[in-house]
């Protein structure tokens, strides 16, 4: 036999390696466990590395807690031990979980098969909100920019598995002609190439009339964010039309028309609250309850007003450190009325609280073809203008600026490395904060995780949780 052409092992009988017996191993708790105890004695554990949330009955809690001692214990992988291992709550001694965070980051960050575009259909707006930071220097997206977007998408489609288009502004429906040009074309091309496609819009809702909704829903643009800043008198003061007229009733009428439809869609009702209006927000909830019912397609999100860089910042009242407490109280009020609210459900997964701007495959394309990363600063910060799209579909991107927004910043941040929330936000929940302040951009969940876990448990108990896509703002 020529040993250079054939292995001598091939002349022997092959025996497959036997499966390892589930003998005793040394188990220790994951470094990414967060525990909270409910009033009824139940124990909830969130493992931020796996994204698992596990609830244990009161009679199980003491046993589970005893198994989470740092010294660990020896046991075979079966029964309760097996369950805790499968949920990531227990790990084998010696496992390097930080390396797993790095792996998950790489798998999520470097995705040539994903493309997410935020398209500014119009950079002008029919509103003049008191806290707005935009300058409204451009109108509807230029036809040559639309051509460039379609050609770029067409070139990328054969390599894509997932395509997401979000319409933003200004007010995107001010630029309906751009949406009419691009949205149905993208829908058809994604279907032709077998690409998973989704689309959303952040709109003030004033122009979201029934006939416009007909078009958008037919183009599979079926996730909306609409802002109502409390009842009419508060909303009309903080979100007037550009001519000073009232806007609340027109928006609410459009929402009522949407609610009558049988289509599959979701609406995130954002409420920007401030010291002067938060006590009256429950009256808005009552109106929604009365006129829209408890339709699960409508979901509340309560957000404290901030000084976001607008010309009127000095006159904007903010809640400061009380913002989270007010938001929690408003959620409780909504829950009492049977209304949907945002919870940790869906935000508990690895990478779920990473900013869109930190992902290389997420790009903003403005009305004049500027390519940007962050919707908060847009073209007011030179670092945010990362390139330009051409009518040919080619994008000239500045690699240094792209790297600034998408770098794995947690690897050089000792605070992030040690943080229990690292798998969830990956140290990039807001790259802009890190650029502007040099500080770690911590998500509020880091401070309020246990409260949010118990809050989520309550909504799950009440059957009020529905997971829907997050929106840009």
Protein backbone atom coordinates (compact mmCIF):
# COMPACT_ATOMS: atom_id res chain seq x y z
CA UNK A 1 0.00 0.00 0.00
CA UNK A 2 1.29 3.44 -0.90
CA UNK A 3 1.11 5.36 2.40
CA UNK A 4 1.39 8.64 0.53
CA UNK A 5 -1.85 7.96 -1.32
CA UNK A 6 -4.00 6.29 1.36
CA UNK A 7 -4.11 6.53 5.14
CA UNK A 8 -3.30 3.26 6.97
CA UNK A 9 -6.17 4.08 9.36
CA UNK A 10 -8.60 3.43 6.53
CA UNK A 11 -7.81 -0.33 6.77
CA UNK A 12 -9.13 -0.45 10.35
CA UNK A 13 -12.71 -0.66 11.51
CA UNK A 14 -13.98 2.81 12.30
CA UNK A 15 -15.68 3.38 15.62
CA UNK A 16 -17.54 6.60 16.19
CA UNK A 17 -16.57 8.53 19.29
CA UNK A 18 -19.15 7.73 21.96
CA UNK A 19 -21.42 10.52 23.12
CA UNK A 20 -20.32 12.03 26.37
CA UNK A 21 -22.28 10.81 29.34
CA UNK A 22 -24.06 13.53 31.30
CA UNK A 23 -21.86 13.09 34.35
CA UNK A 24 -21.45 15.61 37.13
CA UNK A 25 -19.93 18.95 36.17
CA UNK A 26 -19.10 22.03 38.18
CA UNK A 27 -21.71 24.72 37.57
CA UNK A 28 -21.49 28.42 38.43
CA UNK A 29 -23.90 31.31 37.79
CA UNK A 30 -23.56 33.40 34.65
CA UNK A 31 -22.09 36.86 35.16
CA UNK A 32 -24.98 38.21 33.09
CA UNK A 33 -27.87 37.22 35.40
CA UNK A 34 -30.21 39.90 36.78
CA UNK A 35 -32.63 38.73 39.50
CA UNK A 36 -35.83 40.31 40.81
CA UNK A 37 -38.45 39.06 43.25
CA UNK A 38 -42.15 39.71 42.80
CA UNK A 39 -44.46 40.52 45.73
CA UNK A 40 -46.04 37.08 45.46
CA UNK A 41 -42.65 35.41 45.94
CA UNK A 42 -41.99 34.52 42.32
CA UNK A 43 -38.44 34.90 41.08
CA UNK A 44 -37.62 36.33 37.65
CA UNK A 45 -34.14 35.98 36.14
CA UNK A 46 -33.01 37.79 33.01
CA UNK A 47 -29.85 36.47 31.40
CA UNK A 48 -28.72 39.30 29.13
CA UNK A 49 -26.31 37.05 27.19
CA UNK A 50 -29.00 34.60 26.11
CA UNK A 51 -31.82 37.13 26.20
CA UNK A 52 -33.83 34.67 28.29
CA UNK A 53 -36.34 35.76 30.93
CA UNK A 54 -37.32 32.95 33.29
CA UNK A 55 -40.02 33.07 35.95
CA UNK A 56 -39.99 30.60 38.85
CA UNK A 57 -42.84 29.88 41.22
CA UNK A 58 -42.53 31.04 44.83
CA UNK A 59 -41.94 27.45 46.01
CA UNK A 60 -39.03 27.09 43.53
CA UNK A 61 -37.35 30.41 44.29
CA UNK A 62 -35.30 29.35 47.31
CA UNK A 63 -33.95 26.28 45.50
CA UNK A 64 -32.98 28.29 42.42
CA UNK A 65 -31.29 31.02 44.47
CA UNK A 66 -29.28 28.39 46.38
CA UNK A 67 -27.94 27.12 43.03
CA UNK A 68 -26.65 30.59 42.11
CA UNK A 69 -23.91 30.73 44.73
CA UNK A 70 -20.62 32.01 43.31
CA UNK A 71 -18.76 28.95 44.62
CA UNK A 72 -20.90 26.76 42.40
CA UNK A 73 -21.77 23.08 42.80
CA UNK A 74 -21.27 19.66 41.24
CA UNK A 75 -24.22 18.00 39.53
CA UNK A 76 -25.19 16.16 36.34
CA UNK A 77 -26.97 18.17 33.67
CA UNK A 78 -30.54 17.07 34.23
CA UNK A 79 -33.87 18.32 35.56
CA UNK A 80 -33.68 21.86 37.00
CA UNK A 81 -29.93 22.08 36.36
CA UNK A 82 -30.52 21.26 32.69
CA UNK A 83 -33.18 23.98 32.42
CA UNK A 84 -30.96 26.61 34.04
CA UNK A 85 -28.07 25.70 31.74
CA UNK A 86 -30.27 25.87 28.65
CA UNK A 87 -31.43 29.35 29.71
CA UNK A 88 -27.84 30.51 30.24
CA UNK A 89 -28.40 31.06 33.97
CA UNK A 90 -25.84 28.41 34.91
CA UNK A 91 -22.61 27.86 33.01
CA UNK A 92 -19.80 25.35 33.34
CA UNK A 93 -16.88 26.64 35.38
CA UNK A 94 -14.14 28.01 33.13
CA UNK A 95 -16.45 29.24 30.33
CA UNK A 96 -15.44 32.69 29.05
CA UNK A 97 -18.71 34.55 28.57
CA UNK A 98 -17.02 37.77 27.45
CA UNK A 99 -15.70 35.92 24.41
CA UNK A 100 -19.28 34.90 23.65
CA UNK A 101 -20.31 38.58 23.79
CA UNK A 102 -17.58 39.34 21.26
CA UNK A 103 -18.83 36.53 19.02
CA UNK A 104 -22.46 37.70 19.17
CA UNK A 105 -21.36 41.27 18.44
CA UNK A 106 -19.45 40.11 15.35
CA UNK A 107 -22.36 37.99 14.12
CA UNK A 108 -24.78 40.90 14.47
CA UNK A 109 -22.49 43.70 13.34
CA UNK A 110 -20.99 42.33 10.15
CA UNK A 111 -23.99 41.35 8.02
CA UNK A 112 -23.54 41.85 4.27
CA UNK A 113 -26.94 40.15 3.86
CA UNK A 114 -28.79 42.94 5.72
CA UNK A 115 -29.59 46.46 4.53
CA UNK A 116 -31.49 49.05 6.57
CA UNK A 117 -32.20 52.45 5.05
CA UNK A 118 -33.73 55.51 6.71
CA UNK A 119 -34.98 57.66 3.85
CA UNK A 120 -35.80 61.36 4.33
CA UNK A 121 -38.70 61.70 1.91
CA UNK A 122 -38.82 65.37 2.85
CA UNK A 123 -36.54 67.41 5.08
CA UNK A 124 -39.25 70.04 5.51
CA UNK A 125 -42.23 69.74 7.86
CA UNK A 126 -45.80 70.99 8.20
CA UNK A 127 -45.34 71.26 12.01
CA UNK A 128 -43.21 73.51 14.18
CA UNK A 129 -42.90 71.57 17.44
CA UNK A 130 -41.51 73.48 20.41
CA UNK A 131 -38.71 71.00 21.09
CA UNK A 132 -37.75 70.16 17.49
CA UNK A 133 -34.07 70.20 16.56
CA UNK A 134 -34.37 70.12 12.75
CA UNK A 135 -33.74 73.09 10.44
CA UNK A 136 -36.07 72.29 7.49
CA UNK A 137 -33.62 73.48 4.84
CA UNK A 138 -34.67 71.04 2.08
CA UNK A 139 -37.95 69.83 0.64
CA UNK A 140 -38.94 66.58 -1.07
CA UNK A 141 -36.22 64.08 -1.98
CA UNK A 142 -34.72 64.89 -5.40
CA UNK A 143 -35.65 62.53 -8.27
CA UNK A 144 -31.97 61.76 -8.99
CA UNK A 145 -31.52 60.69 -5.35
CA UNK A 146 -34.53 58.38 -5.68
CA UNK A 147 -32.98 56.90 -8.83
CA UNK A 148 -29.71 56.35 -6.99
CA UNK A 149 -31.48 54.59 -4.11
CA UNK A 150 -33.31 52.22 -6.46
CA UNK A 151 -30.15 51.38 -8.39
CA UNK A 152 -28.19 50.80 -5.18
CA UNK A 153 -30.89 48.52 -3.77
CA UNK A 154 -31.15 46.66 -7.08
CA UNK A 155 -27.41 45.93 -7.01
CA UNK A 156 -27.55 44.76 -3.40
CA UNK A 157 -30.69 42.60 -3.57
CA UNK A 158 -29.06 39.38 -4.85
CA UNK A 159 -26.88 39.31 -1.71
CA UNK A 160 -29.58 40.29 0.78
CA UNK A 161 -31.73 38.24 3.12
CA UNK A 162 -33.29 41.16 5.01
CA UNK A 163 -34.23 44.63 3.78
CA UNK A 164 -35.84 47.29 5.96
CA UNK A 165 -36.90 50.75 4.79
CA UNK A 166 -37.91 53.42 7.29
CA UNK A 167 -39.36 56.73 6.17
CA UNK A 168 -38.37 59.76 8.20
CA UNK A 169 -38.11 63.53 7.89
CA UNK A 170 -38.91 66.38 8.46
CA UNK A 171 -42.34 64.99 7.83
CA UNK A 172 -42.08 62.09 5.37
CA UNK A 173 -45.64 62.48 4.08
CA UNK A 174 -44.71 66.02 3.01
CA UNK A 175 -42.64 64.11 0.44
CA UNK A 176 -45.30 61.59 -0.59
CA UNK A 177 -44.18 61.75 -4.23
CA UNK A 178 -40.81 60.25 -3.22
CA UNK A 179 -42.54 57.47 -1.27
CA UNK A 180 -44.85 56.76 -4.22
CA UNK A 181 -41.78 56.45 -6.43
CA UNK A 182 -39.72 54.14 -4.21
CA UNK A 183 -41.99 52.14 -1.87
CA UNK A 184 -43.99 50.05 -4.38
CA UNK A 185 -40.84 49.44 -6.42
CA UNK A 186 -38.94 48.13 -3.38
CA UNK A 187 -41.89 45.93 -2.39
CA UNK A 188 -41.98 44.33 -5.83
CA UNK A 189 -38.21 43.89 -6.12
CA UNK A 190 -37.92 42.32 -2.66
CA UNK A 191 -40.68 39.87 -3.55
CA UNK A 192 -39.00 39.06 -6.85
CA UNK A 193 -35.69 38.24 -5.13
CA UNK A 194 -37.23 36.42 -2.16
CA UNK A 195 -35.87 38.96 0.32
CA UNK A 196 -37.54 39.40 3.69
CA UNK A 197 -38.87 42.96 3.59
CA UNK A 198 -40.35 45.31 6.18
CA UNK A 199 -41.10 49.02 6.19
CA UNK A 200 -41.99 51.66 8.79
CA UNK A 201 -42.62 55.38 9.06
CA UNK A 202 -42.15 58.05 11.72
CA UNK A 203 -44.87 60.59 10.94
CA UNK A 204 -46.72 63.32 12.78
CA UNK A 205 -49.90 61.70 11.46
CA UNK A 206 -51.50 64.90 10.12
CA UNK A 207 -51.37 63.68 6.49
CA UNK A 208 -52.02 60.01 7.31
CA UNK A 209 -55.49 60.19 5.79
CA UNK A 210 -57.48 57.09 4.79
CA UNK A 211 -56.54 57.39 1.11
CA UNK A 212 -52.84 57.76 1.99
CA UNK A 213 -53.08 54.81 4.39
CA UNK A 214 -54.57 52.75 1.53
CA UNK A 215 -51.42 53.34 -0.51
CA UNK A 216 -48.92 52.81 2.30
CA UNK A 217 -50.45 49.56 3.50
CA UNK A 218 -50.62 48.23 -0.07
CA UNK A 219 -46.88 48.86 -0.30
CA UNK A 220 -46.29 46.84 2.93
CA UNK A 221 -45.46 50.02 4.81
CA UNK A 222 -47.40 49.06 7.91
CA UNK A 223 -45.57 50.19 11.06
CA UNK A 224 -46.05 53.79 12.18
CA UNK A 225 -44.91 56.04 14.97
CA UNK A 226 -47.24 58.96 15.67
CA UNK A 227 -46.81 61.49 18.49
CA UNK A 228 -49.63 62.83 20.65
CA UNK A 229 -48.36 65.01 23.48
CA UNK A 230 -51.23 64.44 25.86
CA UNK A 231 -54.79 65.73 25.41
CA UNK A 232 -55.63 68.33 22.77
CA UNK A 233 -54.80 71.50 24.72
CA UNK A 234 -51.27 70.31 25.55
CA UNK A 235 -50.59 68.71 22.18
CA UNK A 236 -51.70 71.79 20.24
CA UNK A 237 -49.38 73.95 22.30
CA UNK A 238 -46.28 71.77 21.90
CA UNK A 239 -46.95 70.52 18.35
CA UNK A 240 -48.65 73.31 16.35
CA UNK A 241 -48.76 73.41 12.56
CA UNK A 242 -46.25 75.62 10.79
CA UNK A 243 -48.98 78.27 10.42
CA UNK A 244 -49.77 78.06 14.16
CA UNK A 245 -53.03 76.15 13.76
CA UNK A 246 -54.12 73.20 15.90
CA UNK A 247 -53.18 69.67 14.86
CA UNK A 248 -54.55 67.24 17.47
CA UNK A 249 -58.02 66.54 16.09
CA UNK A 250 -56.83 65.95 12.53
CA UNK A 251 -54.29 63.39 13.77
CA UNK A 252 -56.81 61.70 16.04
CA UNK A 253 -59.37 61.45 13.25
CA UNK A 254 -56.74 59.72 11.09
CA UNK A 255 -55.98 57.27 13.91
CA UNK A 256 -59.69 56.50 14.30
CA UNK A 257 -59.87 55.75 10.59
CA UNK A 258 -56.89 53.42 10.90
CA UNK A 259 -58.48 51.61 13.84
CA UNK A 260 -61.53 50.77 11.70
CA UNK A 261 -59.37 48.88 9.20
CA UNK A 262 -58.86 45.11 9.29
CA UNK A 263 -55.27 45.34 7.99
CA UNK A 264 -52.24 44.05 9.84
CA UNK A 265 -50.36 47.13 11.07
CA UNK A 266 -48.97 48.67 14.26
CA UNK A 267 -48.93 52.21 15.59
CA UNK A 268 -46.57 53.36 18.31
CA UNK A 269 -48.30 56.26 20.05
CA UNK A 270 -45.44 58.32 21.40
CA UNK A 271 -46.19 60.79 24.18
CA UNK A 272 -43.48 63.35 24.92
CA UNK A 273 -44.20 64.41 28.48
CA UNK A 274 -42.92 67.42 30.40
CA UNK A 275 -43.49 68.91 33.88
CA UNK A 276 -46.47 70.87 32.55
CA UNK A 277 -48.40 68.09 30.85
CA UNK A 278 -47.69 64.66 32.34
CA UNK A 279 -50.48 64.82 34.94
CA UNK A 280 -53.04 65.21 32.16
CA UNK A 281 -51.75 62.38 29.95
CA UNK A 282 -54.25 59.90 31.48
CA UNK A 283 -57.02 61.98 29.87
CA UNK A 284 -55.47 61.14 26.49
CA UNK A 285 -55.50 57.47 27.49
CA UNK A 286 -59.19 57.74 28.33
CA UNK A 287 -59.88 59.24 24.92
CA UNK A 288 -57.90 56.50 23.18
CA UNK A 289 -59.72 53.87 25.25
CA UNK A 290 -63.10 55.37 24.40
CA UNK A 291 -62.58 56.03 20.68
CA UNK A 292 -59.98 53.42 19.62
CA UNK A 293 -60.77 50.75 22.18
CA UNK A 294 -58.09 48.34 23.41
CA UNK A 295 -56.90 47.54 19.89
CA UNK A 296 -53.59 45.70 20.33
CA UNK A 297 -52.26 47.33 17.15
CA UNK A 298 -51.90 50.61 19.07
CA UNK A 299 -49.18 50.80 21.70
CA UNK A 300 -48.06 53.66 23.98
CA UNK A 301 -44.49 54.86 24.46
CA UNK A 302 -43.89 57.57 27.07
CA UNK A 303 -40.75 59.67 26.66
CA UNK A 304 -39.59 62.69 28.66
CA UNK A 305 -39.02 65.83 26.60
CA UNK A 306 -35.34 66.67 26.25
CA UNK A 307 -33.21 69.53 25.05
CA UNK A 308 -32.35 67.89 21.76
CA UNK A 309 -30.35 70.66 20.12
CA UNK A 310 -33.12 72.87 18.76
CA UNK A 311 -33.21 76.67 18.65
CA UNK A 312 -35.81 76.69 21.45
CA UNK A 313 -33.86 74.48 23.87
CA UNK A 314 -33.49 77.23 26.48
CA UNK A 315 -37.27 77.46 26.81
CA UNK A 316 -37.97 73.71 26.95
CA UNK A 317 -38.99 72.38 30.37
CA UNK A 318 -37.56 68.94 31.17
CA UNK A 319 -38.30 66.42 33.91
CA UNK A 320 -34.70 65.54 34.75
CA UNK A 321 -34.14 62.54 37.02
CA UNK A 322 -37.88 62.09 37.63
CA UNK A 323 -38.47 61.10 34.01
CA UNK A 324 -38.27 57.33 34.56
CA UNK A 325 -40.63 57.42 37.56
CA UNK A 326 -43.18 59.45 35.60
CA UNK A 327 -42.91 57.08 32.65
CA UNK A 328 -43.44 54.07 34.95
CA UNK A 329 -46.53 55.69 36.47
CA UNK A 330 -47.97 56.47 33.04
CA UNK A 331 -47.41 52.86 31.97
CA UNK A 332 -49.27 51.68 35.05
CA UNK A 333 -52.14 54.05 34.24
CA UNK A 334 -52.29 52.69 30.68
CA UNK A 335 -52.24 49.11 31.93
CA UNK A 336 -55.18 49.80 34.23
CA UNK A 337 -57.14 50.90 31.16
CA UNK A 338 -56.24 47.76 29.22
CA UNK A 339 -53.98 49.62 26.79
CA UNK A 340 -50.75 48.33 25.24
CA UNK A 341 -47.42 49.80 26.40
CA UNK A 342 -43.76 49.19 25.68
CA UNK A 343 -42.02 46.74 28.03
CA UNK A 344 -38.72 44.88 28.10
CA UNK A 345 -40.29 42.15 25.98
CA UNK A 346 -38.32 42.24 22.73
CA UNK A 347 -35.74 44.62 24.23
CA UNK A 348 -34.31 41.83 26.40
CA UNK A 349 -32.46 40.15 23.53
CA UNK A 350 -28.71 40.42 22.81
CA UNK A 351 -28.04 43.58 20.80
CA UNK A 352 -31.63 44.80 21.18
CA UNK A 353 -30.61 48.17 22.64
CA UNK A 354 -27.86 48.90 20.14
CA UNK A 355 -28.38 52.17 18.25
CA UNK A 356 -29.19 51.78 14.56
CA UNK A 357 -26.41 54.30 13.80
CA UNK A 358 -23.82 51.88 15.18
CA UNK A 359 -24.61 49.19 12.60
CA UNK A 360 -22.64 49.43 9.32
CA UNK A 361 -25.64 48.25 7.31
CA UNK A 362 -27.90 51.08 8.53
CA UNK A 363 -27.69 54.34 6.56
CA UNK A 364 -29.71 57.55 6.36
CA UNK A 365 -30.14 59.05 2.91
CA UNK A 366 -31.23 62.68 2.84
CA UNK A 367 -33.31 64.59 0.32
CA UNK A 368 -30.20 65.87 -1.47
CA UNK A 369 -28.33 62.55 -1.41
CA UNK A 370 -26.25 63.04 1.73
CA UNK A 371 -25.56 59.74 3.50
CA UNK A 372 -25.69 60.03 7.29
CA UNK A 373 -25.80 57.85 10.41
CA UNK A 374 -27.73 59.63 13.20
CA UNK A 375 -31.22 61.16 12.92
CA UNK A 376 -30.62 63.42 15.92
CA UNK A 377 -27.83 65.53 14.43
CA UNK A 378 -28.39 64.85 10.70
CA UNK A 379 -26.15 67.25 8.71
CA UNK A 380 -25.50 69.69 11.61
CA UNK A 381 -22.44 67.67 12.66
CA UNK A 382 -19.81 67.07 9.99
CA UNK A 383 -18.92 63.71 11.57
CA UNK A 384 -22.41 62.47 10.77
CA UNK A 385 -22.15 63.06 7.01
CA UNK A 386 -20.45 59.83 6.00
CA UNK A 387 -20.93 59.98 2.24
CA UNK A 388 -23.04 60.76 -0.82
CA UNK A 389 -25.21 58.62 -3.07
CA UNK A 390 -24.88 59.01 -6.83
CA UNK A 391 -27.63 58.59 -9.46
CA UNK A 392 -25.76 55.47 -10.57
CA UNK A 393 -26.39 53.87 -7.19
CA UNK A 394 -22.78 54.14 -6.10
CA UNK A 395 -22.15 55.44 -2.59
CA UNK A 396 -18.91 57.15 -1.72
CA UNK A 397 -18.49 56.47 2.00
CA UNK A 398 -15.77 57.93 4.20
CA UNK A 399 -14.23 54.87 5.92
CA UNK A 400 -12.87 56.92 8.83
CA UNK A 401 -16.28 58.42 9.64
CA UNK A 402 -17.99 55.07 9.17
CA UNK A 403 -15.50 53.54 11.57
CA UNK A 404 -16.18 56.27 14.11
CA UNK A 405 -19.86 55.32 14.26
CA UNK A 406 -19.49 51.54 14.03
CA UNK A 407 -16.35 50.68 16.04
CA UNK A 408 -16.60 48.03 18.82
CA UNK A 409 -16.20 50.73 21.46
CA UNK A 410 -16.84 48.36 24.37
CA UNK A 411 -13.50 46.66 23.79
CA UNK A 412 -11.64 49.78 24.94
CA UNK A 413 -14.11 50.72 27.68
CA UNK A 414 -13.46 48.99 31.01
CA UNK A 415 -16.82 50.09 32.39
CA UNK A 416 -18.61 48.43 29.48
CA UNK A 417 -16.52 45.26 29.75
CA UNK A 418 -17.64 44.75 33.35
CA UNK A 419 -21.27 45.74 32.82
CA UNK A 420 -24.06 43.20 33.17
CA UNK A 421 -25.90 44.93 30.30
CA UNK A 422 -23.04 44.53 27.80
CA UNK A 423 -24.65 41.76 25.72
CA UNK A 424 -27.81 43.84 25.41
CA UNK A 425 -26.38 47.23 24.37
CA UNK A 426 -22.83 46.19 23.33
CA UNK A 427 -21.57 49.56 24.58
CA UNK A 428 -23.11 51.30 21.56
CA UNK A 429 -26.61 52.25 22.65
CA UNK A 430 -25.72 55.77 21.49
CA UNK A 431 -22.40 56.38 19.69
CA UNK A 432 -23.19 60.12 19.68
CA UNK A 433 -22.99 60.30 23.50
CA UNK A 434 -19.55 58.71 23.44
CA UNK A 435 -18.38 61.15 20.73
CA UNK A 436 -19.72 64.25 22.44
CA UNK A 437 -18.86 63.44 26.06
CA UNK A 438 -16.29 60.67 26.01
CA UNK A 439 -18.51 58.75 28.45
CA UNK A 440 -20.12 55.33 28.22
CA UNK A 441 -23.65 55.66 26.73
CA UNK A 442 -25.50 53.64 29.37
CA UNK A 443 -29.09 52.59 28.71
CA UNK A 444 -31.65 53.43 31.43
CA UNK A 445 -32.24 49.69 31.84
CA UNK A 446 -28.86 49.41 33.52
CA UNK A 447 -30.22 51.38 36.46
CA UNK A 448 -33.84 50.26 36.37
CA UNK A 449 -33.59 46.65 35.16
CA UNK A 450 -35.32 45.03 38.14
CA UNK A 451 -38.21 47.49 38.04
CA UNK A 452 -38.64 46.94 34.31
CA UNK A 453 -38.51 43.16 34.73
CA UNK A 454 -41.28 43.23 37.33
CA UNK A 455 -43.24 45.65 35.17
CA UNK A 456 -42.95 43.27 32.22
CA UNK A 457 -44.03 40.34 34.38
CA UNK A 458 -47.17 42.25 35.33
CA UNK A 459 -48.07 42.90 31.69
CA UNK A 460 -47.43 39.27 30.77
CA UNK A 461 -49.70 38.19 33.63
CA UNK A 462 -52.41 40.49 32.31
CA UNK A 463 -51.97 39.27 28.73
CA UNK A 464 -51.12 42.79 27.55
CA UNK A 465 -47.74 42.18 25.91
CA UNK A 466 -47.38 42.31 22.14
CA UNK A 467 -43.99 42.52 20.48
CA UNK A 468 -43.74 44.93 17.53
CA UNK A 469 -40.79 46.56 15.77
CA UNK A 470 -39.01 49.47 17.40
CA UNK A 471 -39.06 52.81 15.61
CA UNK A 472 -36.37 55.41 15.07
CA UNK A 473 -37.71 58.11 17.38
